[in-house]
Amino acid sequence: MHIVSLDPAAVTDADIADLHALVAAAAAADRPNDPVPPAADLAARLRGSERPDRRLVYLVARTDAGPAGYASIWLSLLDNLKMGLGDVRVHPDQRRRGIGTALLRAVAAELTAGGRTILLGETDAGGPGDGFARAAGGRIVETDRLSLLRLADVDWAAVRAAATASHPGYRLVSTTGRTPDHLLGSYARAKTAMNDAPHGETDLEDFVFTADRLRAEETSVLDLGELRVLFAVHEATGEVAGFSETRVGRQPERAQQMDTAVVPAHRGSGLGLWMKSAMLLRLRAERPEVAELITGNSTGNRHMLAINERLGFRPWQEINGWQAEVPEVARRLGAG
C-alpha cells in the first residue's frame, strides 16, 4: 500500500471511477439511509479544487487491487491559517488494517509542512470514527445536528402564512445561479453574520468574506448543480439584511439548505423564518422533484434549530466536530 497525492489537472476518468467506487462503498456502509453522491460530483470537486481562497489536497491509499482509502484536506488561504480540516475514508473491506492511520499520518505531515498546527475533523456521532479520532489525540469541540425535512409532510398553510407575513421596510429578492453584481458586495458584508453562529469550543477565528470569495464559492456550488439564494433586502439602504441559500444537485430528490443568516442590526424581525418559508414555497413551485431538504446546525444554535423545527425539520444525524493539535497527532501516529 502506498499513498499518493492527486493532481487535479491530471485526474483521469479511470481515477474518478476507481475513487467513486470507494466513496460509494464507504457511504453505503456508514450512511445507508442517505443517497450516494454521484461520480460527477466527485469529478467536479476534484477537478475544481483550485481556488484563490483555499487549497484542497487529496490523498489516496492505493493497493494492487485499487484505492483502499482516501483523505481530503481543506486549507483556507484567507483566514484560520493555523488550521486544516481533514476527512479520512476507508473502504469497508479494508478497515482495521492500518490504512486510516497511514492516511491520517500523511494528513498530519501535510499540515506540518504547511505550518498548520490544528487539525479539525468530523465523525458520525456514536460511530467507529469517534474512537479513531480520540485515539489520534482529538477531543470533541462541537456537535452538529443534520435535520431532514420531507416536503410531503410540510404544513403548507402554515408555511404560506409565514412566507406572506408583512415585514415593513424589507423586500425579498430571489436569485438562481450567480448573484447579481449590484447585490454582491452587500451579500459579502451580510455573510459576516455567519461568524456569530455557535461553534462550540472550536478555536475558530472569524471567516473573511469578500466578493471574490463568494464568486469562487458560487462556482463550486454551480459545478454541483443549482444555487438558489433568497435575500431579505432593507428598503431604506438597499443592503442585504439576511439571506438563505439552497443547493439542488444532480440528485434533486434531496436538496441542501446551506447558510441562512440575518445581519445583527436586523435581527428580531422574523426575517429568518420569512426567508426560509418563502424558499420552501419557491422550491415546491419551481422544482417539484425535490422531495427532501437536509440542513445542518450546531446543537448550540437553538434559534435556528427552533425555526427549522417549526417548518417541520426533524433530527436525522448527529455529527461530532473534533479538534487536535497536529504535533500530538504526529506523535501518536509515529509521524514525527
Protein backbone atom coordinates (compact mmCIF):
# COMPACT_ATOMS: atom_id res chain seq x y z
CA MET A 1 0.00 0.00 0.00
CA HIS A 2 1.29 3.48 -0.85
CA ILE A 3 -0.20 6.95 -0.55
CA VAL A 4 -0.25 9.36 -3.48
CA SER A 5 -1.41 12.95 -3.84
CA LEU A 6 -3.89 13.54 -6.65
CA ASP A 7 -3.06 16.32 -9.10
CA PRO A 8 -6.40 17.95 -10.06
CA ALA A 9 -5.05 18.75 -13.52
CA ALA A 10 -4.10 15.13 -14.16
CA VAL A 11 -7.08 13.24 -12.71
CA THR A 12 -8.39 10.77 -15.30
CA ASP A 13 -11.85 9.32 -15.77
CA ALA A 14 -10.43 5.97 -14.60
CA ASP A 15 -9.19 7.65 -11.40
CA ILE A 16 -12.66 9.08 -10.82
CA ALA A 17 -14.35 5.72 -11.39
CA ASP A 18 -12.00 3.88 -9.01
CA LEU A 19 -12.28 6.52 -6.31
CA HIS A 20 -16.05 6.77 -6.66
CA ALA A 21 -16.38 3.02 -6.09
CA LEU A 22 -14.56 3.51 -2.79
CA VAL A 23 -16.67 6.55 -1.85
CA ALA A 24 -19.90 4.70 -2.69
CA ALA A 25 -18.91 1.64 -0.66
CA ALA A 26 -17.99 3.75 2.38
CA ALA A 27 -21.19 5.80 2.10
CA ALA A 28 -23.35 2.69 1.80
CA ALA A 29 -21.75 1.22 4.91
CA ASP A 30 -21.70 4.34 7.05
CA ARG A 31 -24.90 6.12 5.95
CA PRO A 32 -27.17 3.56 4.33
CA ASN A 33 -30.19 5.86 4.51
CA ASP A 34 -28.54 8.65 2.54
CA PRO A 35 -28.14 8.82 -1.25
CA VAL A 36 -24.67 8.02 -2.59
CA PRO A 37 -23.10 11.10 -4.21
CA PRO A 38 -22.77 10.59 -7.98
CA ALA A 39 -19.40 10.21 -9.70
CA ALA A 40 -19.95 13.52 -11.49
CA ASP A 41 -19.96 15.32 -8.13
CA LEU A 42 -16.67 13.71 -7.17
CA ALA A 43 -15.16 14.69 -10.52
CA ALA A 44 -16.32 18.29 -10.08
CA ARG A 45 -14.85 18.51 -6.59
CA LEU A 46 -11.51 17.06 -7.65
CA ARG A 47 -11.09 18.99 -10.88
CA GLY A 48 -12.45 22.23 -9.47
CA SER A 49 -10.41 22.19 -6.29
CA GLU A 50 -8.11 25.09 -7.25
CA ARG A 51 -9.46 28.38 -5.90
CA PRO A 52 -7.75 31.60 -4.78
CA ASP A 53 -9.30 31.46 -1.31
CA ARG A 54 -8.46 27.89 -0.38
CA ARG A 55 -6.27 24.90 -1.10
CA LEU A 56 -7.57 21.34 -1.28
CA VAL A 57 -5.32 18.30 -1.05
CA TYR A 58 -6.49 14.80 -1.94
CA LEU A 59 -4.51 11.76 -0.80
CA VAL A 60 -5.27 8.22 -1.96
CA ALA A 61 -4.09 4.98 -0.36
CA ARG A 62 -3.51 2.59 -3.26
CA THR A 63 -3.06 -1.16 -3.23
CA ASP A 64 -2.55 -3.59 -6.11
CA ALA A 65 -6.35 -4.00 -6.15
CA GLY A 66 -7.03 -0.27 -6.42
CA PRO A 67 -7.85 2.57 -3.96
CA ALA A 68 -8.36 1.37 -0.40
CA GLY A 69 -8.91 4.75 1.23
CA TYR A 70 -8.58 8.47 0.73
CA ALA A 71 -8.16 11.68 2.69
CA SER A 72 -9.06 15.24 1.82
CA ILE A 73 -7.57 18.33 3.45
CA TRP A 74 -9.23 21.76 3.29
CA LEU A 75 -6.95 24.75 3.89
CA SER A 76 -8.28 28.31 3.96
CA LEU A 77 -5.91 30.88 2.45
CA LEU A 78 -7.80 33.93 3.79
CA ASP A 79 -8.37 33.14 7.46
CA ASN A 80 -7.81 30.47 10.12
CA LEU A 81 -4.30 29.97 8.77
CA LYS A 82 -3.22 27.74 11.65
CA MET A 83 -5.92 25.17 10.88
CA GLY A 84 -6.72 22.43 8.42
CA LEU A 85 -9.89 20.38 8.04
CA GLY A 86 -9.22 16.72 7.33
CA ASP A 87 -11.50 13.88 6.28
CA VAL A 88 -10.41 10.22 6.09
CA ARG A 89 -12.43 7.44 4.48
CA VAL A 90 -11.52 3.74 4.13
CA HIS A 91 -13.26 1.08 2.06
CA PRO A 92 -15.33 -1.15 4.38
CA ASP A 93 -13.45 -4.26 3.20
CA GLN A 94 -10.09 -2.66 4.02
CA ARG A 95 -10.75 -1.37 7.52
CA ARG A 96 -8.72 -2.24 10.62
CA ARG A 97 -5.60 -2.80 8.52
CA GLY A 98 -3.85 0.47 9.35
CA ILE A 99 -4.93 2.28 6.21
CA GLY A 100 -6.83 5.00 8.04
CA THR A 101 -3.89 5.51 10.38
CA ALA A 102 -1.49 5.79 7.44
CA LEU A 103 -3.74 8.35 5.77
CA LEU A 104 -4.09 10.41 8.93
CA ARG A 105 -0.32 10.28 9.36
CA ALA A 106 0.01 11.70 5.84
CA VAL A 107 -2.56 14.40 6.68
CA ALA A 108 -0.53 15.41 9.75
CA ALA A 109 2.63 15.55 7.66
CA GLU A 110 0.93 17.75 5.06
CA LEU A 111 -0.33 20.14 7.72
CA THR A 112 3.07 20.29 9.40
CA ALA A 113 4.76 21.10 6.10
CA GLY A 114 2.27 23.93 5.59
CA GLY A 115 2.77 25.38 9.07
CA ARG A 116 -0.68 24.38 10.30
CA THR A 117 -0.86 23.38 13.95
CA ILE A 118 -4.53 22.47 14.46
CA LEU A 119 -6.43 19.63 12.79
CA LEU A 120 -10.23 19.70 12.62
CA GLY A 121 -12.37 16.75 11.60
CA GLU A 122 -15.86 15.30 11.79
CA THR A 123 -17.33 11.91 12.61
CA ASP A 124 -20.81 10.45 12.76
CA ALA A 125 -21.66 10.63 16.47
CA GLY A 126 -21.55 7.21 18.06
CA GLY A 127 -19.85 5.61 15.06
CA PRO A 128 -16.43 3.94 14.78
CA GLY A 129 -14.85 7.22 13.73
CA ASP A 130 -15.22 8.55 17.28
CA GLY A 131 -12.74 6.01 18.65
CA PHE A 132 -10.35 6.61 15.77
CA ALA A 133 -10.37 10.39 16.35
CA ARG A 134 -9.95 10.02 20.10
CA ALA A 135 -7.02 7.63 19.72
CA ALA A 136 -5.31 10.17 17.46
CA GLY A 137 -5.49 12.82 20.18
CA GLY A 138 -8.69 14.58 19.23
CA ARG A 139 -11.34 15.99 21.51
CA ILE A 140 -14.97 16.77 20.73
CA VAL A 141 -15.41 20.54 20.49
CA GLU A 142 -18.84 20.75 18.87
CA THR A 143 -21.80 18.60 17.92
CA ASP A 144 -23.90 19.43 14.88
CA ARG A 145 -27.34 18.14 14.03
CA LEU A 146 -28.30 17.21 10.50
CA SER A 147 -32.05 17.76 10.13
CA LEU A 148 -34.28 16.43 7.37
CA LEU A 149 -37.50 17.90 6.03
CA ARG A 150 -39.80 15.73 3.92
CA LEU A 151 -41.81 18.10 1.79
CA ALA A 152 -44.76 15.69 1.74
CA ASP A 153 -45.09 16.25 5.50
CA VAL A 154 -44.93 20.07 5.40
CA ASP A 155 -47.83 22.09 6.76
CA TRP A 156 -48.07 24.25 3.64
CA ALA A 157 -50.78 26.50 5.02
CA ALA A 158 -48.52 27.46 7.92
CA VAL A 159 -45.53 27.93 5.58
CA ARG A 160 -47.56 30.12 3.25
CA ALA A 161 -48.72 32.24 6.18
CA ALA A 162 -45.12 32.75 7.35
CA ALA A 163 -43.91 33.47 3.81
CA THR A 164 -46.58 36.10 3.17
CA ALA A 165 -46.46 37.80 6.56
CA SER A 166 -45.84 41.55 6.43
CA HIS A 167 -42.29 42.76 7.09
CA PRO A 168 -42.43 46.55 6.62
CA GLY A 169 -39.19 48.02 5.39
CA TYR A 170 -37.95 44.81 3.76
CA ARG A 171 -38.46 43.01 0.47
CA LEU A 172 -37.50 39.56 -0.74
CA VAL A 173 -35.24 39.16 -3.76
CA SER A 174 -34.89 35.69 -5.29
CA THR A 175 -31.93 34.61 -7.42
CA THR A 176 -30.89 31.44 -9.24
CA GLY A 177 -27.29 30.96 -10.25
CA ARG A 178 -24.83 33.78 -9.78
CA THR A 179 -25.65 36.72 -7.53
CA PRO A 180 -26.31 39.94 -9.47
CA ASP A 181 -23.36 42.32 -9.32
CA HIS A 182 -25.35 45.03 -7.56
CA LEU A 183 -26.01 42.70 -4.60
CA LEU A 184 -22.62 41.02 -4.37
CA GLY A 185 -20.81 43.47 -2.10
CA SER A 186 -23.77 43.70 0.27
CA TYR A 187 -24.07 39.90 0.25
CA ALA A 188 -20.40 39.57 1.25
CA ARG A 189 -20.93 42.01 4.12
CA ALA A 190 -24.03 40.13 5.25
CA LYS A 191 -22.11 36.84 5.16
CA THR A 192 -20.04 38.03 8.11
CA ALA A 193 -23.16 37.35 10.21
CA MET A 194 -22.18 33.67 9.92
CA ASN A 195 -19.33 34.41 12.31
CA ASP A 196 -21.92 34.81 15.08
CA ALA A 197 -23.15 31.22 14.67
CA PRO A 198 -22.27 28.98 17.63
CA HIS A 199 -19.26 26.72 17.03
CA GLY A 200 -18.81 25.13 20.42
CA GLU A 201 -15.25 25.12 21.74
CA THR A 202 -13.61 25.11 18.31
CA ASP A 203 -10.71 27.58 18.13
CA LEU A 204 -12.07 29.25 15.01
CA GLU A 205 -11.21 32.79 14.01
CA ASP A 206 -13.72 34.91 12.13
CA PHE A 207 -14.10 33.99 8.47
CA VAL A 208 -13.24 36.63 5.89
CA PHE A 209 -15.92 37.10 3.24
CA THR A 210 -15.13 39.05 0.08
CA ALA A 211 -16.87 39.40 -3.26
CA ASP A 212 -14.13 37.31 -4.88
CA ARG A 213 -14.57 34.56 -2.31
CA LEU A 214 -18.33 34.47 -2.86
CA ARG A 215 -17.80 34.22 -6.61
CA ALA A 216 -15.43 31.29 -6.07
CA GLU A 217 -17.94 29.60 -3.74
CA GLU A 218 -20.69 30.11 -6.31
CA THR A 219 -18.57 28.42 -8.96
CA SER A 220 -18.01 25.41 -6.71
CA VAL A 221 -21.71 25.08 -5.92
CA LEU A 222 -22.74 25.54 -9.56
CA ASP A 223 -20.33 22.77 -10.54
CA LEU A 224 -22.52 20.50 -8.40
CA GLY A 225 -25.93 21.73 -9.53
CA GLU A 226 -28.14 24.74 -8.99
CA LEU A 227 -27.71 27.54 -6.45
CA ARG A 228 -30.73 29.44 -5.18
CA VAL A 229 -30.49 32.36 -2.79
CA LEU A 230 -33.30 34.33 -1.20
CA PHE A 231 -32.31 37.78 0.07
CA ALA A 232 -34.12 40.00 2.55
CA VAL A 233 -33.20 43.49 1.38
CA HIS A 234 -33.55 46.54 3.62
CA GLU A 235 -35.61 49.02 1.62
CA ALA A 236 -34.13 52.19 3.10
CA THR A 237 -30.49 51.29 2.45
CA GLY A 238 -30.66 48.66 -0.28
CA GLU A 239 -28.40 46.48 1.87
CA VAL A 240 -28.82 42.74 2.27
CA ALA A 241 -30.30 42.23 5.75
CA GLY A 242 -30.41 38.45 5.53
CA PHE A 243 -30.08 35.54 3.13
CA SER A 244 -30.93 31.87 2.78
CA GLU A 245 -29.08 29.56 0.37
CA THR A 246 -30.21 26.26 -1.15
CA ARG A 247 -28.42 23.86 -3.49
CA VAL A 248 -30.30 21.49 -5.77
CA GLY A 249 -27.83 18.96 -7.11
CA ARG A 250 -27.66 16.17 -9.66
CA GLN A 251 -29.84 14.12 -7.32
CA PRO A 252 -32.61 16.69 -6.95
CA GLU A 253 -34.81 14.49 -4.78
CA ARG A 254 -32.76 15.67 -1.79
CA ALA A 255 -31.71 19.32 -1.84
CA GLN A 256 -29.44 21.02 0.66
CA GLN A 257 -30.28 24.03 2.77
CA MET A 258 -26.95 25.80 3.18
CA ASP A 259 -26.26 29.03 5.08
CA THR A 260 -29.04 31.17 6.48
CA ALA A 261 -28.20 34.30 8.45
CA VAL A 262 -29.58 37.68 9.45
CA VAL A 263 -27.34 40.71 9.93
CA PRO A 264 -27.27 41.64 13.66
CA ALA A 265 -28.86 45.08 13.12
CA HIS A 266 -31.89 43.42 11.52
CA ARG A 267 -32.47 40.56 13.93
CA GLY A 268 -35.66 40.20 15.94
CA SER A 269 -37.96 40.89 12.99
CA GLY A 270 -38.61 37.29 11.95
CA LEU A 271 -36.57 37.52 8.75
CA GLY A 272 -35.11 34.03 9.15
CA LEU A 273 -38.49 32.28 9.21
CA TRP A 274 -39.75 34.57 6.44
CA MET A 275 -36.87 33.73 4.09
CA LYS A 276 -36.91 30.00 4.78
CA SER A 277 -40.66 29.78 4.33
CA ALA A 278 -40.52 31.69 1.05
CA MET A 279 -37.70 29.44 -0.15
CA LEU A 280 -39.80 26.35 0.54
CA LEU A 281 -42.69 27.75 -1.50
CA ARG A 282 -40.29 28.57 -4.31
CA LEU A 283 -38.81 25.08 -4.34
CA ARG A 284 -42.25 23.50 -4.34
CA ALA A 285 -43.38 25.61 -7.30
CA GLU A 286 -40.21 25.56 -9.39
CA ARG A 287 -38.54 22.26 -8.50
CA PRO A 288 -41.37 19.79 -7.70
CA GLU A 289 -38.95 16.86 -7.95
CA VAL A 290 -37.35 17.96 -4.66
CA ALA A 291 -38.77 15.61 -2.03
CA GLU A 292 -36.44 16.30 0.89
CA LEU A 293 -34.32 19.11 2.24
CA ILE A 294 -31.37 18.49 4.55
CA THR A 295 -29.53 21.05 6.65
CA GLY A 296 -27.01 21.21 9.47
CA ASN A 297 -26.74 23.35 12.59
CA SER A 298 -24.71 23.36 15.75
CA THR A 299 -26.73 21.88 18.59
CA GLY A 300 -25.93 25.13 20.38
CA ASN A 301 -27.78 27.17 17.74
CA ARG A 302 -31.14 26.95 19.45
CA HIS A 303 -32.65 29.86 17.49
CA MET A 304 -32.08 28.35 14.04
CA LEU A 305 -32.99 24.87 15.24
CA ALA A 306 -36.29 26.25 16.53
CA ILE A 307 -37.05 27.82 13.13
CA ASN A 308 -36.24 24.55 11.38
CA GLU A 309 -38.39 22.54 13.77
CA ARG A 310 -41.29 24.95 13.23
CA LEU A 311 -41.01 24.31 9.48
CA GLY A 312 -41.05 20.54 10.03
CA PHE A 313 -37.38 19.58 10.02
CA ARG A 314 -36.65 16.54 12.18
CA PRO A 315 -33.33 15.22 13.59
CA TRP A 316 -31.55 12.95 11.11
CA GLN A 317 -27.93 12.51 12.18
CA GLU A 318 -25.56 13.98 14.75
CA ILE A 319 -22.02 14.92 13.75
CA ASN A 320 -19.17 15.30 16.22
CA GLY A 321 -16.63 18.00 15.46
CA TRP A 322 -13.11 17.15 16.63
CA GLN A 323 -10.02 19.26 17.21
CA ALA A 324 -6.47 18.05 17.75
CA GLU A 325 -3.00 19.53 17.93
CA VAL A 326 -1.09 18.44 14.85
CA PRO A 327 2.17 17.70 16.74
CA GLU A 328 0.22 15.45 19.12
CA VAL A 329 -1.43 13.60 16.22
CA ALA A 330 2.00 13.12 14.63
CA ARG A 331 3.45 11.86 17.92
CA ARG A 332 0.67 9.35 18.49
CA LEU A 333 0.85 8.05 14.94
CA GLY A 334 4.64 7.95 14.80
CA ALA A 335 4.86 10.69 12.21
CA GLY A 336 7.34 12.91 13.94
